C-alpha atoms as a PDB file:
ATOM      1  CA  MET A   1     -30.265  20.395  16.005  1.00  0.00           C
ATOM      2  CA  ARG A   2     -26.757  18.940  15.725  1.00  0.00           C
ATOM      3  CA  ASN A   3     -24.060  20.995  14.002  1.00  0.00           C
ATOM      4  CA  HIS A   4     -23.121  19.551  10.611  1.00  0.00           C
ATOM      5  CA  PHE A   5     -19.498  19.192   9.602  1.00  0.00           C
ATOM      6  CA  LEU A   6     -17.687  18.390   6.399  1.00  0.00           C
ATOM      7  CA  ASN A   7     -14.251  17.025   7.153  1.00  0.00           C
ATOM      8  CA  ALA A   8     -11.755  16.770   4.294  1.00  0.00           C
ATOM      9  CA  PHE A   9      -8.089  15.867   4.297  1.00  0.00           C
ATOM     10  CA  ILE A  10      -5.967  18.587   2.749  1.00  0.00           C
ATOM     11  CA  ALA A  11      -4.087  17.024  -0.126  1.00  0.00           C
ATOM     12  CA  ASP A  12      -3.120  20.201  -1.970  1.00  0.00           C
ATOM     13  CA  LEU A  13      -1.908  22.378   0.924  1.00  0.00           C
ATOM     14  CA  CYS A  14       1.006  20.170   1.932  1.00  0.00           C
ATOM     15  CA  ASN A  15       3.450  17.763   0.368  1.00  0.00           C
ATOM     16  CA  PRO A  16       2.265  14.180  -0.283  1.00  0.00           C
ATOM     17  CA  LYS A  17       4.156  12.753   2.676  1.00  0.00           C
ATOM     18  CA  ASN A  18       2.250  15.015   5.057  1.00  0.00           C
ATOM     19  CA  CYS A  19      -1.133  15.140   3.369  1.00  0.00           C
ATOM     20  CA  PHE A  20      -2.467  12.332   5.532  1.00  0.00           C
ATOM     21  CA  GLY A  21      -2.235  14.284   8.785  1.00  0.00           C
ATOM     22  CA  ALA A  22      -3.994  17.609   8.322  1.00  0.00           C
ATOM     23  CA  SER A  23      -7.699  18.086   7.874  1.00  0.00           C
ATOM     24  CA  ILE A  24     -10.128  20.900   7.305  1.00  0.00           C
ATOM     25  CA  SER A  25     -13.552  21.030   8.919  1.00  0.00           C
ATOM     26  CA  ILE A  26     -16.423  23.205   7.796  1.00  0.00           C
ATOM     27  CA  PRO A  27     -19.335  23.738  10.199  1.00  0.00           C
ATOM     28  CA  ILE A  28     -22.418  23.973   8.013  1.00  0.00           C
ATOM     29  CA  ALA A  29     -25.827  25.414   8.782  1.00  0.00           C
ATOM     30  CA  PRO A  30     -28.345  22.576   8.297  1.00  0.00           C
ATOM     31  CA  TYR A  31     -29.801  22.201   4.797  1.00  0.00           C
ATOM     32  CA  SER A  32     -27.791  25.031   3.193  1.00  0.00           C
ATOM     33  CA  PHE A  33     -24.316  26.275   2.348  1.00  0.00           C
ATOM     34  CA  PRO A  34     -24.487  30.081   2.675  1.00  0.00           C
ATOM     35  CA  GLU A  35     -20.994  31.535   2.424  1.00  0.00           C
ATOM     36  CA  LYS A  36     -21.426  33.647   5.550  1.00  0.00           C
ATOM     37  CA  THR A  37     -21.857  30.531   7.717  1.00  0.00           C
ATOM     38  CA  ARG A  38     -18.608  28.922   6.611  1.00  0.00           C
ATOM     39  CA  LYS A  39     -15.836  28.824   9.193  1.00  0.00           C
ATOM     40  CA  CYS A  40     -12.753  26.894   8.130  1.00  0.00           C
ATOM     41  CA  PHE A  41      -9.847  25.745  10.218  1.00  0.00           C
ATOM     42  CA  ILE A  42      -7.096  23.165   9.946  1.00  0.00           C
ATOM     43  CA  LEU A  43      -6.824  20.395  12.530  1.00  0.00           C
ATOM     44  CA  TYR A  44      -3.818  18.271  13.362  1.00  0.00           C
ATOM     45  CA  ASN A  45      -3.959  15.762  16.197  1.00  0.00           C
ATOM     46  CA  ASN A  46      -7.044  17.609  17.486  1.00  0.00           C
ATOM     47  CA  HIS A  47      -5.190  20.920  17.878  1.00  0.00           C
ATOM     48  CA  TYR A  48      -6.129  24.052  15.960  1.00  0.00           C
ATOM     49  CA  LEU A  49      -3.066  25.147  14.015  1.00  0.00           C
ATOM     50  CA  TYR A  50      -4.301  27.761  11.614  1.00  0.00           C
ATOM     51  CA  ALA A  51      -7.621  29.509  11.032  1.00  0.00           C
ATOM     52  CA  LEU A  52      -8.114  30.406   7.380  1.00  0.00           C
ATOM     53  CA  ASN A  53      -9.278  33.900   8.261  1.00  0.00           C
ATOM     54  CA  LYS A  54      -6.651  34.104  11.044  1.00  0.00           C
ATOM     55  CA  THR A  55      -9.095  35.233  13.729  1.00  0.00           C
ATOM     56  CA  ALA A  56      -9.718  33.225  16.882  1.00  0.00           C
ATOM     57  CA  ASP A  57     -13.393  34.220  16.880  1.00  0.00           C
ATOM     58  CA  ASP A  58     -13.975  32.113  13.777  1.00  0.00           C
ATOM     59  CA  VAL A  59     -12.602  28.909  15.283  1.00  0.00           C
ATOM     60  CA  GLU A  60     -15.452  26.756  16.536  1.00  0.00           C
ATOM     61  CA  VAL A  61     -14.613  23.797  18.764  1.00  0.00           C
ATOM     62  CA  ILE A  62     -16.140  20.493  17.697  1.00  0.00           C
ATOM     63  CA  ASP A  63     -17.225  19.180  21.080  1.00  0.00           C
ATOM     64  CA  ASP A  64     -20.222  17.047  20.128  1.00  0.00           C
ATOM     65  CA  TRP A  65     -18.683  14.854  17.444  1.00  0.00           C
ATOM     66  CA  GLU A  66     -19.102  11.122  17.869  1.00  0.00           C
ATOM     67  CA  GLU A  67     -16.222   9.543  19.776  1.00  0.00           C
ATOM     68  CA  GLU A  68     -14.856   6.496  17.966  1.00  0.00           C
ATOM     69  CA  GLU A  69     -13.302   3.554  19.734  1.00  0.00           C
ATOM     70  CA  GLU A  70      -9.673   3.030  18.735  1.00  0.00           C
ATOM     71  CA  VAL A  71      -9.324  -0.463  17.302  1.00  0.00           C
ATOM     72  CA  GLU A  72      -6.771  -2.211  15.132  1.00  0.00           C
ATOM     73  CA  PRO A  73      -7.731  -1.618  11.476  1.00  0.00           C
ATOM     74  CA  ARG A  74      -8.749  -4.616   9.404  1.00  0.00           C
ATOM     75  CA  LEU A  75      -9.717  -5.073   5.784  1.00  0.00           C
ATOM     76  CA  GLY A  76     -13.335  -4.147   5.122  1.00  0.00           C
ATOM     77  CA  ASP A  77     -13.836  -2.193   8.366  1.00  0.00           C
ATOM     78  CA  GLY A  78     -15.167   0.934   6.639  1.00  0.00           C
ATOM     79  CA  GLY A  79     -12.134   2.941   7.792  1.00  0.00           C
ATOM     80  CA  ASP A  80      -8.421   2.376   7.166  1.00  0.00           C
ATOM     81  CA  GLY A  81      -9.310  -1.057   5.809  1.00  0.00           C
ATOM     82  CA  GLY A  82     -11.769   0.315   3.256  1.00  0.00           C
ATOM     83  CA  GLY A  83     -15.058  -1.360   2.403  1.00  0.00           C
ATOM     84  CA  ILE A  84     -18.695  -0.760   3.309  1.00  0.00           C
ATOM     85  CA  VAL A  85     -20.049  -0.933   6.879  1.00  0.00           C
ATOM     86  CA  LEU A  86     -23.643   0.212   7.385  1.00  0.00           C
ATOM     87  CA  GLY A  87     -23.900  -0.485  11.116  1.00  0.00           C
ATOM     88  CA  GLY A  88     -27.353  -2.030  10.865  1.00  0.00           C
ATOM     89  CA  VAL A  89     -29.120   1.302  10.222  1.00  0.00           C
ATOM     90  CA  GLN A  90     -32.204   1.206   7.990  1.00  0.00           C
ATOM     91  CA  TRP A  91     -31.195   4.297   6.015  1.00  0.00           C
ATOM     92  CA  GLY A  92     -27.639   3.093   5.327  1.00  0.00           C
ATOM     93  CA  GLU A  93     -28.336   1.533   1.920  1.00  0.00           C
ATOM     94  CA  LYS A  94     -30.041   4.713   0.683  1.00  0.00           C
ATOM     95  CA  ALA A  95     -27.189   6.936   1.887  1.00  0.00           C
ATOM     96  CA  LEU A  96     -24.676   4.623   0.187  1.00  0.00           C
ATOM     97  CA  SER A  97     -26.694   4.719  -3.040  1.00  0.00           C
ATOM     98  CA  ILE A  98     -26.692   8.530  -2.996  1.00  0.00           C
ATOM     99  CA  ALA A  99     -22.925   8.667  -2.381  1.00  0.00           C
ATOM    100  CA  SER A 100     -22.287   6.178  -5.199  1.00  0.00           C
ATOM    101  CA  GLN A 101     -24.378   8.276  -7.601  1.00  0.00           C
ATOM    102  CA  VAL A 102     -22.424  11.433  -6.724  1.00  0.00           C
ATOM    103  CA  VAL A 103     -19.102   9.662  -7.329  1.00  0.00           C
ATOM    104  CA  LYS A 104     -20.328   8.147 -10.600  1.00  0.00           C
ATOM    105  CA  GLN A 105     -21.514  11.512 -11.920  1.00  0.00           C
ATOM    106  CA  SER A 106     -18.317  13.302 -10.893  1.00  0.00           C
ATOM    107  CA  GLU A 107     -15.945  14.338 -13.667  1.00  0.00           C
ATOM    108  CA  GLU A 108     -12.976  13.339 -11.500  1.00  0.00           C
ATOM    109  CA  ASP A 109     -11.461   9.836 -11.309  1.00  0.00           C
ATOM    110  CA  LEU A 110     -12.701   9.254  -7.776  1.00  0.00           C
ATOM    111  CA  GLN A 111     -14.054   6.129  -6.145  1.00  0.00           C
ATOM    112  CA  LEU A 112     -15.373   5.189  -2.730  1.00  0.00           C
ATOM    113  CA  PHE A 113     -12.546   3.705  -0.682  1.00  0.00           C
ATOM    114  CA  ALA A 114     -14.637   3.376   2.478  1.00  0.00           C
ATOM    115  CA  PHE A 115     -18.199   4.140   3.541  1.00  0.00           C
ATOM    116  CA  ARG A 116     -19.540   3.731   7.049  1.00  0.00           C
ATOM    117  CA  THR A 117     -22.703   4.759   8.877  1.00  0.00           C
ATOM    118  CA  SER A 118     -23.399   4.683  12.600  1.00  0.00           C
ATOM    119  CA  PRO A 119     -26.656   4.352  14.579  1.00  0.00           C
ATOM    120  CA  ARG A 120     -26.103   7.860  15.986  1.00  0.00           C
ATOM    121  CA  GLY A 121     -26.546   9.399  12.528  1.00  0.00           C
ATOM    122  CA  TYR A 122     -22.957   9.838  11.348  1.00  0.00           C
ATOM    123  CA  ILE A 123     -21.701   9.125   7.833  1.00  0.00           C
ATOM    124  CA  TYR A 124     -17.978   8.593   7.200  1.00  0.00           C
ATOM    125  CA  VAL A 125     -16.777   8.661   3.585  1.00  0.00           C
ATOM    126  CA  ARG A 126     -13.239   8.182   2.284  1.00  0.00           C
ATOM    127  CA  LEU A 127     -12.579   9.015  -1.348  1.00  0.00           C
ATOM    128  CA  ASP A 128      -9.708   7.541  -3.331  1.00  0.00           C
ATOM    129  CA  LYS A 129      -8.245   9.269  -6.402  1.00  0.00           C
ATOM    130  CA  LEU A 130      -6.897   6.638  -8.770  1.00  0.00           C
ATOM    131  CA  SER A 131      -4.641   8.974 -10.775  1.00  0.00           C
ATOM    132  CA  ASN A 132      -2.863  10.363  -7.701  1.00  0.00           C
ATOM    133  CA  GLU A 133       0.307   8.604  -6.566  1.00  0.00           C
ATOM    134  CA  TYR A 134      -0.875   8.506  -2.960  1.00  0.00           C
ATOM    135  CA  GLY A 135      -4.606   8.279  -3.698  1.00  0.00           C
ATOM    136  CA  CYS A 136      -5.193  11.824  -2.374  1.00  0.00           C
ATOM    137  CA  PRO A 137      -7.983  13.904  -3.955  1.00  0.00           C
ATOM    138  CA  THR A 138      -7.494  17.660  -3.874  1.00  0.00           C
ATOM    139  CA  LEU A 139      -9.307  19.798  -1.327  1.00  0.00           C
ATOM    140  CA  ASP A 140     -11.521  21.213  -4.094  1.00  0.00           C
ATOM    141  CA  GLU A 141     -12.514  17.706  -5.216  1.00  0.00           C
ATOM    142  CA  LEU A 142     -13.368  16.627  -1.679  1.00  0.00           C
ATOM    143  CA  GLU A 143     -15.337  19.790  -1.040  1.00  0.00           C
ATOM    144  CA  GLU A 144     -17.224  19.488  -4.338  1.00  0.00           C
ATOM    145  CA  PHE A 145     -18.240  15.921  -3.487  1.00  0.00           C
ATOM    146  CA  SER A 146     -19.194  16.943   0.062  1.00  0.00           C
ATOM    147  CA  ARG A 147     -21.429  19.777  -1.105  1.00  0.00           C
ATOM    148  CA  GLU A 148     -23.283  17.662  -3.660  1.00  0.00           C
ATOM    149  CA  PHE A 149     -23.633  14.677  -1.325  1.00  0.00           C
ATOM    150  CA  LYS A 150     -24.922  16.893   1.500  1.00  0.00           C
ATOM    151  CA  LYS A 151     -27.407  18.578  -0.852  1.00  0.00           C
ATOM    152  CA  ARG A 152     -28.816  15.219  -1.940  1.00  0.00           C
ATOM    153  CA  LEU A 153     -28.937  13.960   1.644  1.00  0.00           C
ATOM    154  CA  ASP A 154     -30.939  17.051   2.588  1.00  0.00           C
ATOM    155  CA  ASP A 155     -33.375  16.382  -0.273  1.00  0.00           C
ATOM    156  CA  ALA A 156     -33.726  12.756   0.848  1.00  0.00           C
ATOM    157  CA  GLY A 157     -34.233  13.916   4.432  1.00  0.00           C
ATOM    158  CA  ALA A 158     -37.000  16.304   3.382  1.00  0.00           C
ATOM    159  CA  ALA A 159     -38.661  13.360   1.602  1.00  0.00           C
ATOM    160  CA  LYS A 160     -38.346  11.273   4.812  1.00  0.00           C
ATOM    161  CA  VAL A 161     -36.149   8.718   3.012  1.00  0.00           C
ATOM    162  CA  VAL A 162     -33.241   9.266   5.427  1.00  0.00           C
ATOM    163  CA  PRO A 163     -33.117  11.095   8.783  1.00  0.00           C
ATOM    164  CA  GLU A 164     -32.940  14.877   8.505  1.00  0.00           C
ATOM    165  CA  ASP A 165     -30.261  15.270  11.162  1.00  0.00           C
ATOM    166  CA  LEU A 166     -27.213  13.496   9.698  1.00  0.00           C
ATOM    167  CA  ALA A 167     -23.567  14.468  10.256  1.00  0.00           C
ATOM    168  CA  LEU A 168     -21.038  13.965   7.468  1.00  0.00           C
ATOM    169  CA  GLU A 169     -17.271  13.468   7.398  1.00  0.00           C
ATOM    170  CA  VAL A 170     -15.431  13.203   4.069  1.00  0.00           C
ATOM    171  CA  SER A 171     -11.710  12.488   3.784  1.00  0.00           C
ATOM    172  CA  SER A 172      -9.068  10.720   1.730  1.00  0.00           C
ATOM    173  CA  PRO A 173      -7.555   7.370   2.759  1.00  0.00           C
ATOM    174  CA  GLY A 174      -4.787   7.972   5.274  1.00  0.00           C
ATOM    175  CA  ALA A 175      -1.241   6.671   5.315  1.00  0.00           C
ATOM    176  CA  GLU A 176      -2.535   3.772   7.384  1.00  0.00           C
ATOM    177  CA  ARG A 177      -4.799   2.514   4.606  1.00  0.00           C
ATOM    178  CA  LEU A 178      -4.547  -1.246   4.404  1.00  0.00           C
ATOM    179  CA  LEU A 179      -3.515  -2.610   1.018  1.00  0.00           C
ATOM    180  CA  ARG A 180      -5.237  -5.695  -0.340  1.00  0.00           C
ATOM    181  CA  VAL A 181      -3.213  -8.630  -1.629  1.00  0.00           C
ATOM    182  CA  PRO A 182      -2.880  -8.779  -4.557  1.00  0.00           C
ATOM    183  CA  GLU A 183      -5.440  -6.193  -5.791  1.00  0.00           C
ATOM    184  CA  ASP A 184      -3.680  -3.004  -4.593  1.00  0.00           C
ATOM    185  CA  LEU A 185      -0.038  -4.012  -4.982  1.00  0.00           C
ATOM    186  CA  GLN A 186       0.568  -3.209  -8.653  1.00  0.00           C
ATOM    187  CA  ARG A 187      -0.899   0.272  -8.196  1.00  0.00           C
ATOM    188  CA  PHE A 188       1.673   1.148  -5.510  1.00  0.00           C
ATOM    189  CA  LYS A 189       4.504  -0.937  -6.941  1.00  0.00           C
ATOM    190  CA  GLU A 190       6.930   2.002  -7.160  1.00  0.00           C
ATOM    191  CA  MET A 191       6.431   2.957  -3.507  1.00  0.00           C
ATOM    192  CA  PRO A 192       7.991   1.364  -0.404  1.00  0.00           C
ATOM    193  CA  MET A 193       5.497  -0.588   1.686  1.00  0.00           C
ATOM    194  CA  THR A 194       5.601  -1.715   5.290  1.00  0.00           C
ATOM    195  CA  VAL A 195       4.869  -5.434   5.094  1.00  0.00           C
ATOM    196  CA  SER A 196       3.983  -7.644   8.054  1.00  0.00           C
ATOM    197  CA  TYR A 197       4.130 -11.331   7.256  1.00  0.00           C
ATOM    198  CA  GLU A 198       4.258 -14.784   8.790  1.00  0.00           C
ATOM    199  CA  GLU A 199       7.502 -16.728   8.735  1.00  0.00           C
ATOM    200  CA  GLU A 200       7.809 -20.322   9.850  1.00  0.00           C
ATOM    201  CA  THR A 201      10.952 -21.258  11.773  1.00  0.00           C
ATOM    202  CA  ASN A 202      11.471 -24.585  13.547  1.00  0.00           C
ATOM    203  CA  SER A 203       7.792 -25.455  13.032  1.00  0.00           C
ATOM    204  CA  ARG A 204       6.743 -22.198  14.687  1.00  0.00           C
ATOM    205  CA  LYS A 205       5.170 -19.195  13.017  1.00  0.00           C
ATOM    206  CA  ALA A 206       6.345 -15.699  13.870  1.00  0.00           C
ATOM    207  CA  VAL A 207       5.148 -12.366  12.477  1.00  0.00           C
ATOM    208  CA  LYS A 208       7.920 -10.197  11.059  1.00  0.00           C
ATOM    209  CA  SER A 209       7.846  -6.731   9.528  1.00  0.00           C
ATOM    210  CA  ALA A 210      10.080  -4.946   7.013  1.00  0.00           C
ATOM    211  CA  VAL A 211       9.959  -2.182   4.423  1.00  0.00           C
ATOM    212  CA  PHE A 212       9.877  -3.728   0.953  1.00  0.00           C
ATOM    213  CA  LEU A 213       9.500  -2.824  -2.691  1.00  0.00           C
ATOM    214  CA  LEU A 214       7.352  -5.130  -4.778  1.00  0.00           C
ATOM    215  CA  GLU A 215       9.317  -6.912  -7.498  1.00  0.00           C
ATOM    216  CA  SER A 216       6.581  -9.091  -8.959  1.00  0.00           C
ATOM    217  CA  VAL A 217       3.272 -10.842  -8.348  1.00  0.00           C
ATOM    218  CA  ASP A 218       2.608 -14.343  -9.652  1.00  0.00           C
ATOM    219  CA  ALA A 219      -1.177 -14.575  -9.741  1.00  0.00           C
ATOM    220  CA  GLU A 220      -1.157 -18.204 -10.869  1.00  0.00           C
ATOM    221  CA  SER A 221       0.965 -19.489  -7.982  1.00  0.00           C
ATOM    222  CA  GLU A 222      -0.348 -16.737  -5.631  1.00  0.00           C
ATOM    223  CA  ILE A 223       3.117 -15.584  -4.586  1.00  0.00           C
ATOM    224  CA  CYS A 224       4.602 -12.101  -4.122  1.00  0.00           C
ATOM    225  CA  ILE A 225       8.321 -11.482  -4.533  1.00  0.00           C
ATOM    226  CA  TRP A 226       9.705  -8.618  -2.449  1.00  0.00           C
ATOM    227  CA  LYS A 227      13.057  -6.841  -2.202  1.00  0.00           C
ATOM    228  CA  LEU A 228      14.362  -4.585   0.553  1.00  0.00           C
ATOM    229  CA  ALA A 229      13.678  -0.875   0.103  1.00  0.00           C
ATOM    230  CA  ASP A 230      16.650   1.432   0.566  1.00  0.00           C
ATOM    231  CA  VAL A 231      15.249   3.208   3.625  1.00  0.00           C
ATOM    232  CA  ARG A 232      16.579   4.020   7.075  1.00  0.00           C
ATOM    233  CA  GLU A 233      14.843   1.064   8.749  1.00  0.00           C
ATOM    234  CA  ASN A 234      16.710  -1.427   6.541  1.00  0.00           C
ATOM    235  CA  ARG A 235      20.187   0.106   6.878  1.00  0.00           C
ATOM    236  CA  ASP A 236      22.819  -0.744   9.433  1.00  0.00           C
ATOM    237  CA  PRO A 237      22.550   1.867  12.245  1.00  0.00           C
ATOM    238  CA  GLU A 238      26.346   2.111  12.251  1.00  0.00           C
ATOM    239  CA  SER A 239      26.629   2.663   8.486  1.00  0.00           C
ATOM    240  CA  LYS A 240      26.135   6.434   8.883  1.00  0.00           C
ATOM    241  CA  GLY A 241      23.587   6.760   6.079  1.00  0.00           C
ATOM    242  CA  ARG A 242      25.322   4.546   3.541  1.00  0.00           C
ATOM    243  CA  PRO A 243      23.013   2.647   1.125  1.00  0.00           C
ATOM    244  CA  LEU A 244      22.167  -1.040   1.328  1.00  0.00           C
ATOM    245  CA  THR A 245      24.929  -3.578   0.919  1.00  0.00           C
ATOM    246  CA  ARG A 246      25.154  -5.768  -2.183  1.00  0.00           C
ATOM    247  CA  LYS A 247      23.855  -8.713  -0.156  1.00  0.00           C
ATOM    248  CA  GLN A 248      20.830  -6.710   0.976  1.00  0.00           C
ATOM    249  CA  LYS A 249      20.132  -5.490  -2.559  1.00  0.00           C
ATOM    250  CA  ASP A 250      20.201  -9.057  -3.895  1.00  0.00           C
ATOM    251  CA  LEU A 251      17.918 -10.431  -1.180  1.00  0.00           C
ATOM    252  CA  ARG A 252      14.480 -11.596  -2.352  1.00  0.00           C
ATOM    253  CA  ILE A 253      11.591 -12.694  -0.147  1.00  0.00           C
ATOM    254  CA  LYS A 254       8.921 -14.967  -1.641  1.00  0.00           C
ATOM    255  CA  LEU A 255       5.635 -14.891   0.225  1.00  0.00           C
ATOM    256  CA  PRO A 256       2.353 -16.665  -0.539  1.00  0.00           C
ATOM    257  CA  PHE A 257      -0.626 -14.314  -0.582  1.00  0.00           C
ATOM    258  CA  THR A 258      -1.980 -15.855   2.621  1.00  0.00           C
ATOM    259  CA  PHE A 259       1.256 -15.195   4.558  1.00  0.00           C
ATOM    260  CA  HIS A 260       0.761 -11.417   4.413  1.00  0.00           C
ATOM    261  CA  THR A 261      -0.876 -10.139   7.594  1.00  0.00           C
ATOM    262  CA  LYS A 262      -0.779  -6.373   6.999  1.00  0.00           C
ATOM    263  CA  ILE A 263       0.540  -3.984   4.335  1.00  0.00           C
ATOM    264  CA  ASN A 264       0.643  -0.180   4.529  1.00  0.00           C
ATOM    265  CA  LEU A 265       2.266   2.529   2.459  1.00  0.00           C
ATOM    266  CA  TYR A 266       5.604   3.543   3.957  1.00  0.00           C
ATOM    267  CA  LEU A 267       6.187   7.214   4.702  1.00  0.00           C
ATOM    268  CA  ASP A 268       9.605   8.293   5.945  1.00  0.00           C
END
């Protein structure tokens, strides 16, 4: 029987700029959540940094977790790009339905950012919290969802609706979440964003990247207007930390929706 893990990004144990990097994993005995079986530890870049009970004996190495191929994220990929990807498994629709019911019945303002299943029996869920500036649910909210979702999966497994031996990972969207144009832009309007876009020069298109703040979105003409964010990447390296010049502050970039190739939240 495979070990079962609940994996949740820690949003309330670190500041918002760092909450995308740390995670907590809870090995769970199949079909139950007895307190004595819980062993919690924080992971960062696959290294164990801190065991909650501070004893090495309670740190259990996850050596049988599915290895994922590293690919460039894209919108709708079920990961950093959000969306639903069921991987062609017959039980995927039922698992998605159960997850959607848990979110709908939750008292928190959560929604599914991404949901993905794999043929090897793994379920990856990313929860977005609409009222949080960075979209990070708290650890308690992620754990509450994980417990209820796992309980209902176990019930469905006992009824032979889904496989009994499923592994679950629950997290928040990371800093690399892809933002949709224009749907996500107003929500993060007050935050700097790393924007990659196409620019045509001498009849040739080149992809450029800069850190912008959104000034406005014209839905009718499908154009975004951006201004430079006052961040290190946009300052003159020889200015010794001085803010943007007047010319830089007055600069505006108008981009059609279709010219945007990739947008992420910017974290200094």
